Every structure is written in C-alpha cells, then in structure tokens.
Amino acid sequence: MVKESSSATRLGQALLFAGLVVLVALGGCKVRGSQGVQSEPRTVHARGQRWELNATSTRSQLPGRPLPPQPQHGLVTLSFDDGYSNVYDTAFPIMREYGLVGTANVVWDYVEGWDPNYMHREQLVALQSAGWEIASHSVSHSRPLTEMSLSEAEYELTESAKDLRALGFDVTDFVAPYDAWNADLARTASNCYRSVAAGGDCLNAYPPADLFTLKRVGVYSFTPLTSVYKFVNEAERGNQWLILMFHSVADRKSVMMVPSARFRELVEYLHSRQVEVVTQREAVQLAEGLRKQVVAQEPAVVRR
C-alpha cells in the first residue's frame, strides 16, 4: 500500500538477476511450489481436527487426512504490506511467542535493494521457514496498478512472482499496492496467483465468492483496538474470514506504525479467541477444499 520511503532500483542488480529471471520466464507465469526454501510444517485446527500445512503444501500433499472442513469460528489473517524490517524485528518475535504466523507482502525492488528499512532475502527466508507466507506486492510499488497501462500492470504482477520464486519463495498470492484493483487486473492475476487481496475494510464471507477480490481491514497507529476486536468477534460469530492489514510495528510516531505494546495486546486477544489465525494461502487452501466438498455433495442433474 502506501510507502513511507522509496528506494531506487539498481541497474547492476537487475542485470545480475536478469539471466535467472529469463530462465524462469521461459516456463510462463504458473503457480508452483518452490524447490528452494523449505518451511517447517505448522498445525491448523478446525472442528476438533488437526492437520499439517507448510508453505508448499497442497490438498493432495496431506497424506491420510481428509480435506479440511469449514472452520466453525472464523479465520483471521495478519497481513503486512511492503516488507518493512520491523515486521521481522518486532512483529515476528511477538507472534512467535503465541504460535501465530502471518503473510508478508513484499516488493521485489525492496527485497534486492540495500535499504535497511526493508526485509531482504535472509529475513524472508527465516519467516518462510517459520511458517509465514511470502506474498507478492508488485515489482516497484511505484503507483497504483489501475493507473498503469495493462502491459505495465501485467509486468508488475508477473515479474514480481517470477523473481521471488527464482529466489526460492513459494509465492501463490498477491496483494494490490494502494488497494487499487479492477476486473482486467484480476483476469491477469489469475494466470499467476491463487488469490488477490485489495482493500475493502470489511470481512470476507467464507468461503469467499471471489478469491481475486479479497477484502482487508487496515490497522494504523490511530486505530482503536476496540474496533479491531469488533471485527474479530464478528468473524468468530459469523464464521467469516478477517484479513487485518498492517504496515509497520514499531515505537515511532507515524500513521503507518502500530506500537509494539498495542500489537502485542492484539496478538494476545487473538490467541484467547476461538478464531484460527492462518496465512492468506492457508485460508485459500481451506476454502478450495471446502468448495470441492460442496461440489462433490451436489446431486447430479439428469438431463432428459
């Protein structure tokens, strides 16, 4: 979403990775698992059942376990935009204390840049190894995709996925910069991703009717926790999916920065509730499994 600072893309770095990117591009922009960074499996709970998912799990890779049923008490995803380093330094340790994971939405130019305000490869590897999801947040985050030509926007969508996958990150989902999105972009994204989150300030029905227009609720320095708790409680009561969007977790004065003490209080609250805290990818996997179950249970239509 909104950037606090900008970092220039370095021509030398682009040339260094050009050969690798071209090799990946030859295979097209298809959603696939990585063979590089491996993730530790984590346990997801629903209706008293337990099963393991990791960053490269698919439904067919859950041996001996049925497709997950729809959770009874809703889902919450903690989604962090832009890849700020304080997510690794502050949010990650707090969430790890409570066994929670999140989704880091990173900008390719920042990952390979030298700005210490952003997470780089080593930190993202550590997050993915701990069960976090690494999602794409475009190549440059230079301006809203809806203000670009379709070819420019397609480059931002497809190249960010290819480049991150080339580094070994299992990227399957996208988060739109500035929450700017439309139907043309959704069609393009469907060739590269399994879901897209793009603004909305509301809950998602579960399973979502459209995985390429997922809605999120922003949390900023001025956001009262009581309002966040209301969303959490609503997701729990209505068995819905709440995606909470953050930028930074740090003890500095900025609209985009949530103080660490307040963030810890929110994490403790989530830990005390019945909602399941999952990554965006995990929620999509569960939703896809539920959809298949529903389709399989529908009676066949006899045509005369």
C-alpha atoms as a PDB file:
ATOM      1  CA  MET A   1       0.000   0.000   0.000  1.00  0.00           C
ATOM      2  CA  VAL A   2       1.378   3.460   0.914  1.00  0.00           C
ATOM      3  CA  LYS A   3       5.151   3.719   1.065  1.00  0.00           C
ATOM      4  CA  GLU A   4       6.918   5.571   3.882  1.00  0.00           C
ATOM      5  CA  SER A   5      10.140   5.893   1.869  1.00  0.00           C
ATOM      6  CA  SER A   6      11.401   4.984  -1.598  1.00  0.00           C
ATOM      7  CA  SER A   7      14.496   3.081  -2.725  1.00  0.00           C
ATOM      8  CA  ALA A   8      15.889   3.179  -6.259  1.00  0.00           C
ATOM      9  CA  THR A   9      16.140   0.017  -8.304  1.00  0.00           C
ATOM     10  CA  ARG A  10      19.773  -0.660  -9.053  1.00  0.00           C
ATOM     11  CA  LEU A  11      20.694  -1.396 -12.658  1.00  0.00           C
ATOM     12  CA  GLY A  12      23.591  -3.593 -11.636  1.00  0.00           C
ATOM     13  CA  GLN A  13      21.333  -5.803  -9.512  1.00  0.00           C
ATOM     14  CA  ALA A  14      18.782  -6.050 -12.293  1.00  0.00           C
ATOM     15  CA  LEU A  15      21.442  -7.233 -14.716  1.00  0.00           C
ATOM     16  CA  LEU A  16      22.795  -9.695 -12.169  1.00  0.00           C
ATOM     17  CA  PHE A  17      19.460 -11.444 -11.867  1.00  0.00           C
ATOM     18  CA  ALA A  18      18.367 -10.976 -15.492  1.00  0.00           C
ATOM     19  CA  GLY A  19      19.617 -14.343 -16.634  1.00  0.00           C
ATOM     20  CA  LEU A  20      17.872 -16.153 -13.805  1.00  0.00           C
ATOM     21  CA  VAL A  21      14.649 -14.265 -14.365  1.00  0.00           C
ATOM     22  CA  VAL A  22      14.696 -15.083 -18.083  1.00  0.00           C
ATOM     23  CA  LEU A  23      15.081 -18.768 -17.342  1.00  0.00           C
ATOM     24  CA  VAL A  24      12.089 -18.679 -15.039  1.00  0.00           C
ATOM     25  CA  ALA A  25      10.106 -16.651 -17.551  1.00  0.00           C
ATOM     26  CA  LEU A  26      10.558 -19.307 -20.200  1.00  0.00           C
ATOM     27  CA  GLY A  27       8.259 -21.563 -18.255  1.00  0.00           C
ATOM     28  CA  GLY A  28       5.487 -18.968 -18.135  1.00  0.00           C
ATOM     29  CA  CYS A  29       3.933 -17.476 -15.028  1.00  0.00           C
ATOM     30  CA  LYS A  30       2.341 -20.523 -13.456  1.00  0.00           C
ATOM     31  CA  VAL A  31       1.599 -21.003  -9.777  1.00  0.00           C
ATOM     32  CA  ARG A  32       4.003 -23.580  -8.494  1.00  0.00           C
ATOM     33  CA  GLY A  33       5.844 -24.624  -5.361  1.00  0.00           C
ATOM     34  CA  SER A  34       9.489 -23.757  -4.868  1.00  0.00           C
ATOM     35  CA  GLN A  35      12.295 -26.243  -4.532  1.00  0.00           C
ATOM     36  CA  GLY A  36      14.488 -23.792  -2.648  1.00  0.00           C
ATOM     37  CA  VAL A  37      13.433 -22.600   0.784  1.00  0.00           C
ATOM     38  CA  GLN A  38      11.669 -25.236   2.841  1.00  0.00           C
ATOM     39  CA  SER A  39       9.208 -24.393   5.594  1.00  0.00           C
ATOM     40  CA  GLU A  40       8.590 -26.071   8.891  1.00  0.00           C
ATOM     41  CA  PRO A  41       5.094 -27.590   8.996  1.00  0.00           C
ATOM     42  CA  ARG A  42       2.560 -25.991  11.303  1.00  0.00           C
ATOM     43  CA  THR A  43      -0.666 -27.380  12.681  1.00  0.00           C
ATOM     44  CA  VAL A  44      -4.052 -25.922  11.798  1.00  0.00           C
ATOM     45  CA  HIS A  45      -7.131 -26.748  13.870  1.00  0.00           C
ATOM     46  CA  ALA A  46     -10.791 -26.885  12.866  1.00  0.00           C
ATOM     47  CA  ARG A  47     -13.777 -28.702  14.365  1.00  0.00           C
ATOM     48  CA  GLY A  48     -11.506 -30.625  16.687  1.00  0.00           C
ATOM     49  CA  GLN A  49      -9.351 -31.944  13.839  1.00  0.00           C
ATOM     50  CA  ARG A  50      -5.656 -31.262  13.275  1.00  0.00           C
ATOM     51  CA  TRP A  51      -3.638 -31.402  10.101  1.00  0.00           C
ATOM     52  CA  GLU A  52      -0.319 -30.044   8.974  1.00  0.00           C
ATOM     53  CA  LEU A  53       0.259 -27.419   6.306  1.00  0.00           C
ATOM     54  CA  ASN A  54       3.526 -25.900   5.226  1.00  0.00           C
ATOM     55  CA  ALA A  55       4.480 -23.276   2.685  1.00  0.00           C
ATOM     56  CA  THR A  56       4.478 -25.792  -0.159  1.00  0.00           C
ATOM     57  CA  SER A  57       1.523 -27.938   0.939  1.00  0.00           C
ATOM     58  CA  THR A  58      -1.392 -28.588  -1.351  1.00  0.00           C
ATOM     59  CA  ARG A  59      -4.505 -30.569  -0.545  1.00  0.00           C
ATOM     60  CA  SER A  60      -3.078 -33.583  -2.359  1.00  0.00           C
ATOM     61  CA  GLN A  61       0.036 -33.392  -0.182  1.00  0.00           C
ATOM     62  CA  LEU A  62      -1.799 -34.039   3.090  1.00  0.00           C
ATOM     63  CA  PRO A  63      -1.448 -37.836   3.261  1.00  0.00           C
ATOM     64  CA  GLY A  64      -4.021 -39.713   5.285  1.00  0.00           C
ATOM     65  CA  ARG A  65      -6.076 -36.630   6.108  1.00  0.00           C
ATOM     66  CA  PRO A  66      -9.423 -35.541   4.654  1.00  0.00           C
ATOM     67  CA  LEU A  67      -9.930 -32.161   3.064  1.00  0.00           C
ATOM     68  CA  PRO A  68     -10.262 -29.619   5.885  1.00  0.00           C
ATOM     69  CA  PRO A  69     -13.873 -28.753   6.786  1.00  0.00           C
ATOM     70  CA  GLN A  70     -15.037 -25.196   7.055  1.00  0.00           C
ATOM     71  CA  PRO A  71     -13.851 -23.754  10.392  1.00  0.00           C
ATOM     72  CA  GLN A  72     -16.598 -23.227  12.969  1.00  0.00           C
ATOM     73  CA  HIS A  73     -15.312 -19.986  14.441  1.00  0.00           C
ATOM     74  CA  GLY A  74     -13.867 -17.993  11.557  1.00  0.00           C
ATOM     75  CA  LEU A  75     -10.393 -17.176  10.314  1.00  0.00           C
ATOM     76  CA  VAL A  76      -8.044 -14.227  10.834  1.00  0.00           C
ATOM     77  CA  THR A  77      -5.020 -13.400   8.687  1.00  0.00           C
ATOM     78  CA  LEU A  78      -2.361 -10.897   9.773  1.00  0.00           C
ATOM     79  CA  SER A  79      -1.138  -9.283   6.548  1.00  0.00           C
ATOM     80  CA  PHE A  80       1.932  -6.993   6.455  1.00  0.00           C
ATOM     81  CA  ASP A  81       2.451  -4.702   3.466  1.00  0.00           C
ATOM     82  CA  ASP A  82       5.706  -3.517   1.855  1.00  0.00           C
ATOM     83  CA  GLY A  83       8.146  -5.754   3.754  1.00  0.00           C
ATOM     84  CA  TYR A  84       9.374  -3.353   6.436  1.00  0.00           C
ATOM     85  CA  SER A  85      12.240  -4.724   8.532  1.00  0.00           C
ATOM     86  CA  ASN A  86      10.402  -4.016  11.789  1.00  0.00           C
ATOM     87  CA  VAL A  87       7.957  -6.776  10.858  1.00  0.00           C
ATOM     88  CA  TYR A  88      10.860  -9.186  11.241  1.00  0.00           C
ATOM     89  CA  ASP A  89      12.393  -7.399  14.232  1.00  0.00           C
ATOM     90  CA  THR A  90       9.208  -6.751  16.224  1.00  0.00           C
ATOM     91  CA  ALA A  91       6.030  -8.392  14.909  1.00  0.00           C
ATOM     92  CA  PHE A  92       7.609 -11.768  14.152  1.00  0.00           C
ATOM     93  CA  PRO A  93       9.004 -12.405  17.685  1.00  0.00           C
ATOM     94  CA  ILE A  94       5.729 -11.371  19.327  1.00  0.00           C
ATOM     95  CA  MET A  95       3.646 -13.625  17.095  1.00  0.00           C
ATOM     96  CA  ARG A  96       6.097 -16.496  17.509  1.00  0.00           C
ATOM     97  CA  GLU A  97       5.568 -16.393  21.284  1.00  0.00           C
ATOM     98  CA  TYR A  98       1.918 -17.305  20.691  1.00  0.00           C
ATOM     99  CA  GLY A  99       2.480 -19.740  17.841  1.00  0.00           C
ATOM    100  CA  LEU A 100       0.972 -17.425  15.218  1.00  0.00           C
ATOM    101  CA  VAL A 101       2.110 -16.806  11.649  1.00  0.00           C
ATOM    102  CA  GLY A 102       1.412 -14.062   9.134  1.00  0.00           C
ATOM    103  CA  THR A 103       1.661 -13.078   5.480  1.00  0.00           C
ATOM    104  CA  ALA A 104       4.468 -10.721   4.420  1.00  0.00           C
ATOM    105  CA  ASN A 105       3.602  -8.859   1.222  1.00  0.00           C
ATOM    106  CA  VAL A 106       6.915  -7.820  -0.281  1.00  0.00           C
ATOM    107  CA  VAL A 107       8.006  -5.552  -3.124  1.00  0.00           C
ATOM    108  CA  TRP A 108      10.656  -7.093  -5.350  1.00  0.00           C
ATOM    109  CA  ASP A 109      12.738  -3.915  -5.716  1.00  0.00           C
ATOM    110  CA  TYR A 110      12.980  -3.632  -1.933  1.00  0.00           C
ATOM    111  CA  VAL A 111      13.989  -7.260  -1.446  1.00  0.00           C
ATOM    112  CA  GLU A 112      17.036  -6.870  -3.672  1.00  0.00           C
ATOM    113  CA  GLY A 113      17.792  -3.312  -2.605  1.00  0.00           C
ATOM    114  CA  TRP A 114      20.066  -2.116   0.199  1.00  0.00           C
ATOM    115  CA  ASP A 115      17.622  -0.051   2.234  1.00  0.00           C
ATOM    116  CA  PRO A 116      17.769  -1.301   5.861  1.00  0.00           C
ATOM    117  CA  ASN A 117      14.150  -0.250   6.364  1.00  0.00           C
ATOM    118  CA  TYR A 118      13.055  -3.284   4.341  1.00  0.00           C
ATOM    119  CA  MET A 119      13.473  -7.019   4.790  1.00  0.00           C
ATOM    120  CA  HIS A 120      15.909  -8.719   2.476  1.00  0.00           C
ATOM    121  CA  ARG A 121      16.305 -12.312   1.401  1.00  0.00           C
ATOM    122  CA  GLU A 122      17.784 -13.719   4.615  1.00  0.00           C
ATOM    123  CA  GLN A 123      14.996 -12.315   6.791  1.00  0.00           C
ATOM    124  CA  LEU A 124      12.303 -13.518   4.419  1.00  0.00           C
ATOM    125  CA  VAL A 125      13.876 -16.975   4.343  1.00  0.00           C
ATOM    126  CA  ALA A 126      13.651 -17.052   8.150  1.00  0.00           C
ATOM    127  CA  LEU A 127       9.977 -16.036   8.035  1.00  0.00           C
ATOM    128  CA  GLN A 128       9.052 -18.653   5.449  1.00  0.00           C
ATOM    129  CA  SER A 129      10.976 -21.308   7.385  1.00  0.00           C
ATOM    130  CA  ALA A 130       8.904 -20.398  10.453  1.00  0.00           C
ATOM    131  CA  GLY A 131       5.640 -20.969   8.566  1.00  0.00           C
ATOM    132  CA  TRP A 132       4.968 -17.460   7.299  1.00  0.00           C
ATOM    133  CA  GLU A 133       3.732 -16.835   3.781  1.00  0.00           C
ATOM    134  CA  ILE A 134       5.686 -14.590   1.422  1.00  0.00           C
ATOM    135  CA  ALA A 135       3.258 -12.915  -0.988  1.00  0.00           C
ATOM    136  CA  SER A 136       3.903 -10.540  -3.873  1.00  0.00           C
ATOM    137  CA  HIS A 137       3.171  -6.820  -3.547  1.00  0.00           C
ATOM    138  CA  SER A 138       4.391  -5.899  -7.081  1.00  0.00           C
ATOM    139  CA  VAL A 139       7.808  -5.178  -8.580  1.00  0.00           C
ATOM    140  CA  SER A 140       8.157  -1.475  -7.779  1.00  0.00           C
ATOM    141  CA  HIS A 141       5.141  -0.214  -5.816  1.00  0.00           C
ATOM    142  CA  SER A 142       5.658   2.956  -7.836  1.00  0.00           C
ATOM    143  CA  ARG A 143       1.983   3.821  -8.342  1.00  0.00           C
ATOM    144  CA  PRO A 144      -1.442   2.135  -8.406  1.00  0.00           C
ATOM    145  CA  LEU A 145      -1.727  -0.623 -10.990  1.00  0.00           C
ATOM    146  CA  THR A 146      -5.026   0.870 -12.170  1.00  0.00           C
ATOM    147  CA  GLU A 147      -3.134   3.985 -13.294  1.00  0.00           C
ATOM    148  CA  MET A 148      -0.771   1.974 -15.484  1.00  0.00           C
ATOM    149  CA  SER A 149      -1.269   0.577 -18.939  1.00  0.00           C
ATOM    150  CA  LEU A 150      -2.360  -3.043 -18.934  1.00  0.00           C
ATOM    151  CA  SER A 151       1.094  -4.134 -20.147  1.00  0.00           C
ATOM    152  CA  GLU A 152       2.821  -2.193 -17.373  1.00  0.00           C
ATOM    153  CA  ALA A 153       0.481  -3.631 -14.764  1.00  0.00           C
ATOM    154  CA  GLU A 154       0.984  -7.131 -16.158  1.00  0.00           C
ATOM    155  CA  TYR A 155       4.739  -6.700 -15.762  1.00  0.00           C
ATOM    156  CA  GLU A 156       4.306  -5.653 -12.112  1.00  0.00           C
ATOM    157  CA  LEU A 157       2.108  -8.688 -11.457  1.00  0.00           C
ATOM    158  CA  THR A 158       4.003 -11.390 -13.299  1.00  0.00           C
ATOM    159  CA  GLU A 159       7.627 -10.366 -12.850  1.00  0.00           C
ATOM    160  CA  SER A 160       7.339  -9.970  -9.085  1.00  0.00           C
ATOM    161  CA  ALA A 161       6.060 -13.533  -8.838  1.00  0.00           C
ATOM    162  CA  LYS A 162       8.767 -14.906 -11.137  1.00  0.00           C
ATOM    163  CA  ASP A 163      11.593 -13.073  -9.394  1.00  0.00           C
ATOM    164  CA  LEU A 164      10.525 -14.052  -5.881  1.00  0.00           C
ATOM    165  CA  ARG A 165      10.050 -17.673  -6.936  1.00  0.00           C
ATOM    166  CA  ALA A 166      13.510 -17.612  -8.506  1.00  0.00           C
ATOM    167  CA  LEU A 167      14.889 -16.844  -5.044  1.00  0.00           C
ATOM    168  CA  GLY A 168      13.098 -19.884  -3.643  1.00  0.00           C
ATOM    169  CA  PHE A 169       9.959 -18.266  -2.200  1.00  0.00           C
ATOM    170  CA  ASP A 170       6.709 -20.154  -2.674  1.00  0.00           C
ATOM    171  CA  VAL A 171       4.634 -17.212  -3.908  1.00  0.00           C
ATOM    172  CA  THR A 172       0.991 -18.055  -4.647  1.00  0.00           C
ATOM    173  CA  ASP A 173      -0.876 -14.886  -3.632  1.00  0.00           C
ATOM    174  CA  PHE A 174      -0.847 -11.170  -4.443  1.00  0.00           C
ATOM    175  CA  VAL A 175      -1.734  -8.005  -2.532  1.00  0.00           C
ATOM    176  CA  ALA A 176      -2.545  -4.935  -4.633  1.00  0.00           C
ATOM    177  CA  PRO A 177      -0.455  -1.790  -3.998  1.00  0.00           C
ATOM    178  CA  TYR A 178      -2.587   1.116  -2.795  1.00  0.00           C
ATOM    179  CA  ASP A 179      -5.576  -1.291  -2.825  1.00  0.00           C
ATOM    180  CA  ALA A 180      -6.168  -0.307  -6.463  1.00  0.00           C
ATOM    181  CA  TRP A 181      -7.794  -3.146  -8.420  1.00  0.00           C
ATOM    182  CA  ASN A 182     -10.182  -3.924 -11.263  1.00  0.00           C
ATOM    183  CA  ALA A 183     -11.559  -6.811 -13.306  1.00  0.00           C
ATOM    184  CA  ASP A 184      -8.868  -6.640 -16.015  1.00  0.00           C
ATOM    185  CA  LEU A 185      -6.129  -6.959 -13.399  1.00  0.00           C
ATOM    186  CA  ALA A 186      -7.983  -9.837 -11.756  1.00  0.00           C
ATOM    187  CA  ARG A 187      -8.022 -11.754 -15.053  1.00  0.00           C
ATOM    188  CA  THR A 188      -4.282 -11.230 -15.475  1.00  0.00           C
ATOM    189  CA  ALA A 189      -3.566 -12.205 -11.874  1.00  0.00           C
ATOM    190  CA  SER A 190      -5.488 -15.463 -12.253  1.00  0.00           C
ATOM    191  CA  ASN A 191      -2.678 -16.723 -14.522  1.00  0.00           C
ATOM    192  CA  CYS A 192      -0.074 -16.257 -11.789  1.00  0.00           C
ATOM    193  CA  TYR A 193      -1.759 -16.429  -8.402  1.00  0.00           C
ATOM    194  CA  ARG A 194      -4.390 -18.276  -6.426  1.00  0.00           C
ATOM    195  CA  SER A 195      -5.821 -15.166  -4.742  1.00  0.00           C
ATOM    196  CA  VAL A 196      -5.584 -11.376  -4.541  1.00  0.00           C
ATOM    197  CA  ALA A 197      -6.341  -9.070  -1.610  1.00  0.00           C
ATOM    198  CA  ALA A 198      -7.254  -5.474  -2.430  1.00  0.00           C
ATOM    199  CA  GLY A 199      -8.763  -3.200   0.199  1.00  0.00           C
ATOM    200  CA  GLY A 200     -12.390  -3.056   1.230  1.00  0.00           C
ATOM    201  CA  ASP A 201     -12.373  -2.516   5.032  1.00  0.00           C
ATOM    202  CA  CYS A 202     -14.782  -5.392   5.569  1.00  0.00           C
ATOM    203  CA  LEU A 203     -14.934  -9.111   6.285  1.00  0.00           C
ATOM    204  CA  ASN A 204     -14.892 -11.862   3.682  1.00  0.00           C
ATOM    205  CA  ALA A 205     -17.608 -14.496   3.561  1.00  0.00           C
ATOM    206  CA  TYR A 206     -16.190 -17.968   3.997  1.00  0.00           C
ATOM    207  CA  PRO A 207     -15.563 -19.466   1.594  1.00  0.00           C
ATOM    208  CA  PRO A 208     -15.188 -16.273  -0.471  1.00  0.00           C
ATOM    209  CA  ALA A 209     -17.263 -15.985  -3.623  1.00  0.00           C
ATOM    210  CA  ASP A 210     -14.266 -14.485  -5.463  1.00  0.00           C
ATOM    211  CA  LEU A 211     -10.690 -15.213  -4.381  1.00  0.00           C
ATOM    212  CA  PHE A 212      -9.377 -12.384  -6.567  1.00  0.00           C
ATOM    213  CA  THR A 213     -11.167  -9.561  -4.744  1.00  0.00           C
ATOM    214  CA  LEU A 214     -10.448 -10.381  -1.104  1.00  0.00           C
ATOM    215  CA  LYS A 215     -11.087  -7.557   1.350  1.00  0.00           C
ATOM    216  CA  ARG A 216      -8.873  -6.390   4.205  1.00  0.00           C
ATOM    217  CA  VAL A 217      -9.281  -4.149   7.256  1.00  0.00           C
ATOM    218  CA  GLY A 218      -6.477  -1.648   7.827  1.00  0.00           C
ATOM    219  CA  VAL A 219      -4.868  -1.220  11.243  1.00  0.00           C
ATOM    220  CA  TYR A 220      -2.956   2.023  11.810  1.00  0.00           C
ATOM    221  CA  SER A 221      -1.464   3.944  14.723  1.00  0.00           C
ATOM    222  CA  PHE A 222      -4.795   5.701  15.291  1.00  0.00           C
ATOM    223  CA  THR A 223      -6.983   2.581  15.036  1.00  0.00           C
ATOM    224  CA  PRO A 224      -8.608   1.745  18.403  1.00  0.00           C
ATOM    225  CA  LEU A 225      -8.137  -1.887  19.353  1.00  0.00           C
ATOM    226  CA  THR A 226     -11.781  -1.995  20.374  1.00  0.00           C
ATOM    227  CA  SER A 227     -12.776  -1.526  16.726  1.00  0.00           C
ATOM    228  CA  VAL A 228     -10.392  -4.311  15.678  1.00  0.00           C
ATOM    229  CA  TYR A 229     -11.849  -6.584  18.369  1.00  0.00           C
ATOM    230  CA  LYS A 230     -15.329  -5.959  16.961  1.00  0.00           C
ATOM    231  CA  PHE A 231     -14.197  -7.258  13.591  1.00  0.00           C
ATOM    232  CA  VAL A 232     -12.568 -10.278  15.228  1.00  0.00           C
ATOM    233  CA  ASN A 233     -15.713 -11.034  17.211  1.00  0.00           C
ATOM    234  CA  GLU A 234     -17.860 -10.656  14.097  1.00  0.00           C
ATOM    235  CA  ALA A 235     -15.639 -13.095  12.192  1.00  0.00           C
ATOM    236  CA  GLU A 236     -15.874 -15.534  15.100  1.00  0.00           C
ATOM    237  CA  ARG A 237     -19.665 -15.298  15.413  1.00  0.00           C
ATOM    238  CA  GLY A 238     -20.374 -15.414  11.693  1.00  0.00           C
ATOM    239  CA  ASN A 239     -17.652 -17.888  10.741  1.00  0.00           C
ATOM    240  CA  GLN A 240     -16.127 -15.361   8.324  1.00  0.00           C
ATOM    241  CA  TRP A 241     -12.591 -14.506   7.211  1.00  0.00           C
ATOM    242  CA  LEU A 242     -10.967 -11.326   8.509  1.00  0.00           C
ATOM    243  CA  ILE A 243      -7.739 -10.106   6.925  1.00  0.00           C
ATOM    244  CA  LEU A 244      -6.046  -7.448   9.072  1.00  0.00           C
ATOM    245  CA  MET A 245      -3.617  -5.236   7.162  1.00  0.00           C
ATOM    246  CA  PHE A 246      -0.551  -3.651   8.806  1.00  0.00           C
ATOM    247  CA  HIS A 247       2.482  -1.791   7.527  1.00  0.00           C
ATOM    248  CA  SER A 248       4.900  -1.350  10.400  1.00  0.00           C
ATOM    249  CA  VAL A 249       5.064  -2.463  14.021  1.00  0.00           C
ATOM    250  CA  ALA A 250       7.394  -0.015  15.756  1.00  0.00           C
ATOM    251  CA  ASP A 251       7.510   2.515  18.573  1.00  0.00           C
ATOM    252  CA  ARG A 252       7.872   5.606  16.423  1.00  0.00           C
ATOM    253  CA  LYS A 253       5.321   8.277  15.614  1.00  0.00           C
ATOM    254  CA  SER A 254       3.841   7.519  12.226  1.00  0.00           C
ATOM    255  CA  VAL A 255       0.356   6.873  10.943  1.00  0.00           C
ATOM    256  CA  MET A 256       1.569   3.596   9.444  1.00  0.00           C
ATOM    257  CA  MET A 257       3.264   2.304  12.599  1.00  0.00           C
ATOM    258  CA  VAL A 258       1.367   0.297  15.216  1.00  0.00           C
ATOM    259  CA  PRO A 259       3.152   0.496  18.605  1.00  0.00           C
ATOM    260  CA  SER A 260       4.609  -2.810  19.751  1.00  0.00           C
ATOM    261  CA  ALA A 261       2.649  -2.866  23.019  1.00  0.00           C
ATOM    262  CA  ARG A 262      -0.630  -2.392  21.168  1.00  0.00           C
ATOM    263  CA  PHE A 263       0.291  -5.058  18.644  1.00  0.00           C
ATOM    264  CA  ARG A 264       1.124  -7.488  21.457  1.00  0.00           C
ATOM    265  CA  GLU A 265      -2.246  -6.778  23.050  1.00  0.00           C
ATOM    266  CA  LEU A 266      -3.974  -7.615  19.767  1.00  0.00           C
ATOM    267  CA  VAL A 267      -1.979 -10.847  19.381  1.00  0.00           C
ATOM    268  CA  GLU A 268      -2.870 -11.857  22.945  1.00  0.00           C
ATOM    269  CA  TYR A 269      -6.528 -11.189  22.188  1.00  0.00           C
ATOM    270  CA  LEU A 270      -6.444 -13.333  19.057  1.00  0.00           C
ATOM    271  CA  HIS A 271      -4.743 -16.096  20.995  1.00  0.00           C
ATOM    272  CA  SER A 272      -7.543 -16.041  23.561  1.00  0.00           C
ATOM    273  CA  ARG A 273     -10.331 -16.365  20.980  1.00  0.00           C
ATOM    274  CA  GLN A 274     -11.614 -19.353  19.019  1.00  0.00           C
ATOM    275  CA  VAL A 275     -10.764 -17.935  15.598  1.00  0.00           C
ATOM    276  CA  GLU A 276      -7.971 -19.628  13.673  1.00  0.00           C
ATOM    277  CA  VAL A 277      -5.046 -17.397  12.696  1.00  0.00           C
ATOM    278  CA  VAL A 278      -3.823 -18.539   9.270  1.00  0.00           C
ATOM    279  CA  THR A 279      -1.909 -17.131   6.320  1.00  0.00           C
ATOM    280  CA  GLN A 280      -3.707 -15.948   3.211  1.00  0.00           C
ATOM    281  CA  ARG A 281      -2.533 -19.055   1.376  1.00  0.00           C
ATOM    282  CA  GLU A 282      -3.778 -21.413   4.104  1.00  0.00           C
ATOM    283  CA  ALA A 283      -7.214 -19.784   4.105  1.00  0.00           C
ATOM    284  CA  VAL A 284      -7.356 -20.142   0.310  1.00  0.00           C
ATOM    285  CA  GLN A 285      -6.374 -23.806   0.546  1.00  0.00           C
ATOM    286  CA  LEU A 286      -9.088 -24.459   3.108  1.00  0.00           C
ATOM    287  CA  ALA A 287     -11.658 -22.594   1.002  1.00  0.00           C
ATOM    288  CA  GLU A 288     -10.737 -24.522  -2.137  1.00  0.00           C
ATOM    289  CA  GLY A 289     -11.058 -27.781  -0.225  1.00  0.00           C
ATOM    290  CA  LEU A 290     -14.489 -26.796   1.064  1.00  0.00           C
ATOM    291  CA  ARG A 291     -15.644 -25.824  -2.426  1.00  0.00           C
ATOM    292  CA  LYS A 292     -14.637 -29.233  -3.758  1.00  0.00           C
ATOM    293  CA  GLN A 293     -16.522 -30.920  -0.941  1.00  0.00           C
ATOM    294  CA  VAL A 294     -19.657 -28.902  -1.702  1.00  0.00           C
ATOM    295  CA  VAL A 295     -19.458 -29.678  -5.424  1.00  0.00           C
ATOM    296  CA  ALA A 296     -18.947 -33.371  -4.708  1.00  0.00           C
ATOM    297  CA  GLN A 297     -22.033 -33.439  -2.488  1.00  0.00           C
ATOM    298  CA  GLU A 298     -24.304 -31.730  -5.014  1.00  0.00           C
ATOM    299  CA  PRO A 299     -26.747 -34.150  -6.682  1.00  0.00           C
ATOM    300  CA  ALA A 300     -26.129 -34.851 -10.338  1.00  0.00           C
ATOM    301  CA  VAL A 301     -28.506 -33.191 -12.782  1.00  0.00           C
ATOM    302  CA  VAL A 302     -30.253 -35.697 -15.002  1.00  0.00           C
ATOM    303  CA  ARG A 303     -30.876 -34.310 -18.468  1.00  0.00           C
ATOM    304  CA  ARG A 304     -33.763 -35.698 -20.458  1.00  0.00           C
END
